[in-house]
N, C-alpha and C. Protein backbone atom coordinates (compact mmCIF):
# COMPACT_ATOMS: atom_id res chain seq x y z
N MET A 1 119.08 21.07 22.53
CA MET A 1 118.23 19.94 22.55
C MET A 1 118.57 19.00 23.70
N SER A 2 119.70 19.02 24.12
CA SER A 2 120.07 18.15 25.21
C SER A 2 119.37 18.57 26.49
N THR A 3 119.07 19.81 26.67
CA THR A 3 118.35 20.26 27.85
C THR A 3 116.92 19.74 27.81
N VAL A 4 116.32 19.81 26.67
CA VAL A 4 114.96 19.33 26.51
C VAL A 4 114.95 17.80 26.74
N LEU A 5 115.93 17.12 26.22
CA LEU A 5 116.03 15.67 26.40
C LEU A 5 116.21 15.34 27.88
N ILE A 6 117.02 16.10 28.55
CA ILE A 6 117.25 15.87 29.98
C ILE A 6 115.95 16.12 30.75
N ILE A 7 115.22 17.17 30.39
CA ILE A 7 113.95 17.48 31.07
C ILE A 7 112.95 16.35 30.82
N ILE A 8 112.90 15.85 29.59
CA ILE A 8 111.98 14.77 29.25
C ILE A 8 112.37 13.50 30.03
N ILE A 9 113.66 13.22 30.11
CA ILE A 9 114.13 12.05 30.85
C ILE A 9 113.79 12.21 32.33
N VAL A 10 113.99 13.39 32.90
CA VAL A 10 113.70 13.63 34.31
C VAL A 10 112.20 13.48 34.56
N ILE A 11 111.38 14.04 33.67
CA ILE A 11 109.93 13.93 33.82
C ILE A 11 109.51 12.46 33.71
N ALA A 12 110.08 11.74 32.76
CA ALA A 12 109.77 10.32 32.59
C ALA A 12 110.20 9.54 33.84
N ALA A 13 111.36 9.90 34.39
CA ALA A 13 111.83 9.23 35.59
C ALA A 13 110.90 9.53 36.76
N ILE A 14 110.46 10.78 36.88
CA ILE A 14 109.54 11.16 37.97
C ILE A 14 108.22 10.41 37.81
N VAL A 15 107.71 10.32 36.59
CA VAL A 15 106.46 9.62 36.33
C VAL A 15 106.64 8.13 36.65
N LEU A 16 107.77 7.58 36.23
CA LEU A 16 108.05 6.17 36.51
C LEU A 16 108.16 5.93 38.01
N ILE A 17 108.87 6.80 38.71
CA ILE A 17 109.01 6.67 40.17
C ILE A 17 107.64 6.80 40.84
N ALA A 18 106.82 7.74 40.38
CA ALA A 18 105.48 7.93 40.94
C ALA A 18 104.63 6.67 40.71
N ALA A 19 104.76 6.10 39.51
CA ALA A 19 104.00 4.88 39.20
C ALA A 19 104.47 3.73 40.09
N VAL A 20 105.77 3.59 40.29
CA VAL A 20 106.31 2.53 41.13
C VAL A 20 105.85 2.73 42.58
N VAL A 21 105.94 3.96 43.08
CA VAL A 21 105.49 4.26 44.45
C VAL A 21 104.00 3.95 44.59
N SER A 22 103.21 4.35 43.60
CA SER A 22 101.77 4.08 43.63
C SER A 22 101.51 2.57 43.65
N LEU A 23 102.22 1.84 42.81
CA LEU A 23 102.09 0.38 42.76
C LEU A 23 102.48 -0.24 44.09
N LEU A 24 103.57 0.22 44.69
CA LEU A 24 104.02 -0.31 45.98
C LEU A 24 102.99 -0.02 47.08
N ARG A 25 102.42 1.17 47.06
CA ARG A 25 101.41 1.52 48.06
C ARG A 25 100.16 0.65 47.89
N ARG A 26 99.76 0.46 46.63
CA ARG A 26 98.58 -0.37 46.37
C ARG A 26 98.83 -1.80 46.85
N ARG A 27 99.99 -2.36 46.56
CA ARG A 27 100.33 -3.71 47.01
C ARG A 27 100.37 -3.79 48.53
N ALA A 28 100.92 -2.76 49.17
CA ALA A 28 100.96 -2.74 50.63
C ALA A 28 99.55 -2.69 51.20
N ALA A 29 98.68 -1.89 50.58
CA ALA A 29 97.29 -1.80 51.03
C ALA A 29 96.58 -3.14 50.83
N GLU A 30 96.82 -3.81 49.69
CA GLU A 30 96.22 -5.12 49.45
C GLU A 30 96.72 -6.14 50.46
N ARG A 31 98.01 -6.12 50.77
CA ARG A 31 98.56 -7.05 51.76
C ARG A 31 97.93 -6.79 53.14
N GLU A 32 97.77 -5.52 53.48
CA GLU A 32 97.16 -5.16 54.77
C GLU A 32 95.70 -5.63 54.82
N ALA A 33 94.98 -5.44 53.71
CA ALA A 33 93.59 -5.89 53.65
C ALA A 33 93.52 -7.42 53.78
N GLU A 34 94.43 -8.12 53.10
CA GLU A 34 94.48 -9.58 53.19
C GLU A 34 94.84 -10.01 54.61
N ARG A 35 95.78 -9.31 55.24
CA ARG A 35 96.17 -9.63 56.61
C ARG A 35 94.98 -9.45 57.55
N ARG A 36 94.24 -8.37 57.40
CA ARG A 36 93.06 -8.13 58.24
C ARG A 36 91.98 -9.20 58.01
N ARG A 37 91.77 -9.56 56.74
CA ARG A 37 90.78 -10.59 56.41
C ARG A 37 91.16 -11.93 57.06
N LEU A 38 92.43 -12.29 56.93
CA LEU A 38 92.89 -13.55 57.53
C LEU A 38 92.80 -13.51 59.06
N ALA A 39 93.11 -12.35 59.64
CA ALA A 39 93.02 -12.21 61.10
C ALA A 39 91.56 -12.36 61.55
N ASP A 40 90.64 -11.76 60.79
CA ASP A 40 89.21 -11.89 61.11
C ASP A 40 88.75 -13.34 61.00
N GLU A 41 89.18 -14.02 59.93
CA GLU A 41 88.81 -15.42 59.75
C GLU A 41 89.39 -16.28 60.87
N ALA A 42 90.65 -16.01 61.24
CA ALA A 42 91.27 -16.77 62.32
C ALA A 42 90.52 -16.54 63.63
N SER A 43 90.12 -15.31 63.88
CA SER A 43 89.37 -15.00 65.09
C SER A 43 88.02 -15.72 65.09
N ALA A 44 87.34 -15.72 63.95
CA ALA A 44 86.04 -16.41 63.86
C ALA A 44 86.21 -17.91 64.08
N HIS A 45 87.26 -18.49 63.49
CA HIS A 45 87.50 -19.92 63.69
C HIS A 45 87.85 -20.22 65.15
N ARG A 46 88.61 -19.33 65.77
CA ARG A 46 88.99 -19.53 67.17
C ARG A 46 87.74 -19.50 68.05
N GLN A 47 86.84 -18.53 67.78
CA GLN A 47 85.59 -18.46 68.55
C GLN A 47 84.76 -19.72 68.35
N GLN A 48 84.69 -20.20 67.10
CA GLN A 48 83.93 -21.42 66.82
C GLN A 48 84.55 -22.62 67.53
N ALA A 49 85.88 -22.68 67.52
CA ALA A 49 86.57 -23.78 68.21
C ALA A 49 86.28 -23.74 69.71
N ASP A 50 86.33 -22.56 70.30
CA ASP A 50 86.02 -22.42 71.73
C ASP A 50 84.58 -22.85 72.02
N SER A 51 83.68 -22.44 71.14
CA SER A 51 82.27 -22.82 71.31
C SER A 51 82.11 -24.33 71.21
N ASN A 52 82.82 -24.94 70.25
CA ASN A 52 82.72 -26.40 70.09
C ASN A 52 83.33 -27.13 71.28
N VAL A 53 84.41 -26.61 71.83
CA VAL A 53 85.01 -27.23 73.01
C VAL A 53 84.03 -27.18 74.18
N SER A 54 83.39 -26.04 74.34
CA SER A 54 82.41 -25.88 75.42
C SER A 54 81.24 -26.84 75.21
N ARG A 55 80.76 -26.94 74.00
CA ARG A 55 79.63 -27.83 73.69
C ARG A 55 80.04 -29.29 73.91
N ALA A 56 81.24 -29.65 73.48
CA ALA A 56 81.71 -31.03 73.66
C ALA A 56 81.82 -31.37 75.14
N SER A 57 82.29 -30.43 75.92
CA SER A 57 82.40 -30.64 77.36
C SER A 57 81.02 -30.85 77.98
N GLU A 58 80.09 -30.02 77.58
CA GLU A 58 78.72 -30.12 78.08
C GLU A 58 78.10 -31.46 77.69
N LEU A 59 78.29 -31.86 76.44
CA LEU A 59 77.74 -33.14 75.98
C LEU A 59 78.41 -34.31 76.69
N GLY A 60 79.70 -34.17 76.97
CA GLY A 60 80.40 -35.23 77.70
C GLY A 60 79.83 -35.42 79.10
N ARG A 61 79.56 -34.31 79.78
CA ARG A 61 78.95 -34.40 81.12
C ARG A 61 77.56 -35.03 81.03
N GLU A 62 76.79 -34.63 80.03
CA GLU A 62 75.45 -35.17 79.85
C GLU A 62 75.51 -36.68 79.54
N ALA A 63 76.45 -37.07 78.70
CA ALA A 63 76.61 -38.50 78.37
C ALA A 63 76.99 -39.29 79.61
N GLU A 64 77.87 -38.73 80.42
CA GLU A 64 78.28 -39.42 81.65
C GLU A 64 77.09 -39.60 82.59
N LEU A 65 76.26 -38.59 82.69
CA LEU A 65 75.05 -38.69 83.52
C LEU A 65 74.15 -39.82 83.02
N HIS A 66 73.95 -39.89 81.71
CA HIS A 66 73.09 -40.93 81.15
C HIS A 66 73.71 -42.32 81.35
N LYS A 67 75.02 -42.41 81.27
CA LYS A 67 75.68 -43.70 81.52
C LYS A 67 75.45 -44.15 82.96
N ARG A 68 75.59 -43.21 83.91
CA ARG A 68 75.35 -43.56 85.32
C ARG A 68 73.90 -44.00 85.52
N GLN A 69 72.97 -43.26 84.93
CA GLN A 69 71.56 -43.61 85.07
C GLN A 69 71.28 -44.97 84.44
N ALA A 70 71.90 -45.24 83.29
CA ALA A 70 71.70 -46.54 82.64
C ALA A 70 72.23 -47.65 83.53
N ASP A 71 73.39 -47.43 84.14
CA ASP A 71 73.95 -48.44 85.06
C ASP A 71 73.02 -48.67 86.25
N GLU A 72 72.48 -47.58 86.80
CA GLU A 72 71.55 -47.70 87.93
C GLU A 72 70.31 -48.49 87.53
N HIS A 73 69.77 -48.16 86.34
CA HIS A 73 68.57 -48.86 85.87
C HIS A 73 68.88 -50.34 85.60
N ALA A 74 70.05 -50.62 85.08
CA ALA A 74 70.42 -52.01 84.83
C ALA A 74 70.52 -52.78 86.15
N ALA A 75 71.10 -52.14 87.16
CA ALA A 75 71.20 -52.80 88.47
C ALA A 75 69.81 -53.03 89.05
N GLN A 76 68.96 -52.03 88.93
CA GLN A 76 67.59 -52.19 89.42
C GLN A 76 66.85 -53.29 88.64
N ALA A 77 67.11 -53.36 87.34
CA ALA A 77 66.46 -54.39 86.53
C ALA A 77 66.91 -55.78 86.97
N GLU A 78 68.19 -55.91 87.29
CA GLU A 78 68.68 -57.20 87.78
C GLU A 78 68.02 -57.55 89.11
N GLU A 79 67.93 -56.55 90.00
CA GLU A 79 67.27 -56.79 91.29
C GLU A 79 65.81 -57.18 91.08
N HIS A 80 65.13 -56.48 90.17
CA HIS A 80 63.72 -56.78 89.91
C HIS A 80 63.58 -58.15 89.27
N ALA A 81 64.50 -58.51 88.39
CA ALA A 81 64.44 -59.84 87.77
C ALA A 81 64.63 -60.93 88.83
N ALA A 82 65.56 -60.70 89.75
CA ALA A 82 65.77 -61.69 90.82
C ALA A 82 64.53 -61.78 91.70
N ALA A 83 63.96 -60.63 92.05
CA ALA A 83 62.75 -60.63 92.88
C ALA A 83 61.59 -61.29 92.13
N ALA A 84 61.49 -61.03 90.83
CA ALA A 84 60.43 -61.65 90.04
C ALA A 84 60.60 -63.17 90.02
N GLY A 85 61.84 -63.62 89.89
CA GLY A 85 62.09 -65.06 89.93
C GLY A 85 61.69 -65.67 91.25
N GLU A 86 62.02 -64.98 92.35
CA GLU A 86 61.65 -65.47 93.69
C GLU A 86 60.13 -65.53 93.84
N HIS A 87 59.45 -64.48 93.35
CA HIS A 87 57.99 -64.45 93.44
C HIS A 87 57.37 -65.55 92.58
N ALA A 88 57.93 -65.77 91.41
CA ALA A 88 57.41 -66.82 90.54
C ALA A 88 57.59 -68.19 91.19
N GLU A 89 58.74 -68.39 91.83
CA GLU A 89 59.00 -69.66 92.52
C GLU A 89 58.02 -69.85 93.68
N LYS A 90 57.83 -68.79 94.47
CA LYS A 90 56.90 -68.86 95.61
C LYS A 90 55.48 -69.10 95.10
N ALA A 91 55.10 -68.45 93.99
CA ALA A 91 53.76 -68.65 93.43
C ALA A 91 53.58 -70.09 92.97
N SER A 92 54.62 -70.65 92.38
CA SER A 92 54.56 -72.05 91.95
C SER A 92 54.40 -72.97 93.15
N GLU A 93 55.17 -72.70 94.21
CA GLU A 93 55.04 -73.50 95.44
C GLU A 93 53.64 -73.39 96.01
N LEU A 94 53.11 -72.18 96.03
CA LEU A 94 51.77 -71.98 96.57
C LEU A 94 50.71 -72.65 95.70
N ASP A 95 50.91 -72.62 94.36
CA ASP A 95 49.98 -73.33 93.47
C ASP A 95 49.98 -74.82 93.79
N GLU A 96 51.17 -75.38 93.98
CA GLU A 96 51.26 -76.80 94.32
C GLU A 96 50.59 -77.07 95.66
N SER A 97 50.82 -76.20 96.64
CA SER A 97 50.17 -76.36 97.96
C SER A 97 48.66 -76.25 97.82
N THR A 98 48.20 -75.37 96.94
CA THR A 98 46.77 -75.20 96.71
C THR A 98 46.18 -76.48 96.12
N ARG A 99 46.88 -77.09 95.15
CA ARG A 99 46.40 -78.34 94.56
C ARG A 99 46.36 -79.46 95.62
N THR A 100 47.44 -79.51 96.43
CA THR A 100 47.50 -80.53 97.48
C THR A 100 46.37 -80.33 98.48
N ALA A 101 46.15 -79.08 98.89
CA ALA A 101 45.07 -78.78 99.85
C ALA A 101 43.72 -79.11 99.23
N GLY A 102 43.55 -78.82 97.94
CA GLY A 102 42.29 -79.14 97.25
C GLY A 102 42.05 -80.64 97.21
N LYS A 103 43.11 -81.42 96.91
CA LYS A 103 42.99 -82.89 96.89
C LYS A 103 42.65 -83.40 98.29
N ALA A 104 43.32 -82.83 99.31
CA ALA A 104 43.05 -83.25 100.69
C ALA A 104 41.62 -82.92 101.07
N ALA A 105 41.14 -81.72 100.64
CA ALA A 105 39.77 -81.32 100.95
C ALA A 105 38.79 -82.27 100.28
N ALA A 106 39.07 -82.65 99.03
CA ALA A 106 38.19 -83.57 98.31
C ALA A 106 38.19 -84.93 99.00
N PHE A 107 39.37 -85.42 99.41
CA PHE A 107 39.48 -86.71 100.09
C PHE A 107 38.66 -86.69 101.38
N HIS A 108 38.83 -85.64 102.17
CA HIS A 108 38.13 -85.56 103.44
C HIS A 108 36.63 -85.37 103.24
N ASP A 109 36.26 -84.68 102.16
CA ASP A 109 34.84 -84.52 101.84
C ASP A 109 34.23 -85.88 101.52
N GLU A 110 34.96 -86.70 100.75
CA GLU A 110 34.49 -88.05 100.43
C GLU A 110 34.38 -88.89 101.70
N GLN A 111 35.40 -88.80 102.56
CA GLN A 111 35.39 -89.57 103.81
C GLN A 111 34.21 -89.15 104.69
N ALA A 112 33.98 -87.84 104.75
CA ALA A 112 32.86 -87.34 105.55
C ALA A 112 31.55 -87.84 104.98
N ALA A 113 31.44 -87.83 103.66
CA ALA A 113 30.21 -88.30 103.01
C ALA A 113 30.00 -89.78 103.30
N GLU A 114 31.07 -90.57 103.25
CA GLU A 114 30.96 -92.01 103.54
C GLU A 114 30.51 -92.22 105.00
N ARG A 115 31.08 -91.47 105.91
CA ARG A 115 30.74 -91.63 107.33
C ARG A 115 29.29 -91.19 107.56
N GLU A 116 28.90 -90.13 106.91
CA GLU A 116 27.53 -89.67 107.07
C GLU A 116 26.55 -90.69 106.51
N GLU A 117 26.96 -91.35 105.44
CA GLU A 117 26.11 -92.35 104.82
C GLU A 117 25.94 -93.55 105.74
N LYS A 118 27.03 -93.91 106.43
CA LYS A 118 26.97 -95.02 107.37
C LYS A 118 26.08 -94.66 108.58
N LEU A 119 26.03 -93.40 108.91
CA LEU A 119 25.19 -92.97 110.03
C LEU A 119 23.71 -93.04 109.66
N SER A 120 23.37 -92.95 108.50
CA SER A 120 21.97 -92.92 108.11
C SER A 120 21.36 -94.24 107.99
């Protein structure tokens, strides 16, 4: 009976060792699958990060262009405002000259009418 017991123990040990080896292989395969999944995710995130860096750089250049254009337009607006002020001042002066010339014309028209009346 001891031979049969030894054979049973050896078979049980072989089955146990096979089960342990199978479990170890399965765990190794799961770890490898997890490692590949994480590597794929890391690669996808890296690509997205690179894409975002490129987009941020492009947007930064575009923003800088718009800032320069805004500064140029602001400078032009100041120049136009100054020119508008000068034109408004000149128009006011000319309006005053027009009123003065109109009053002078009316005065001289009255004087001419008086002189013509004296001639008649």
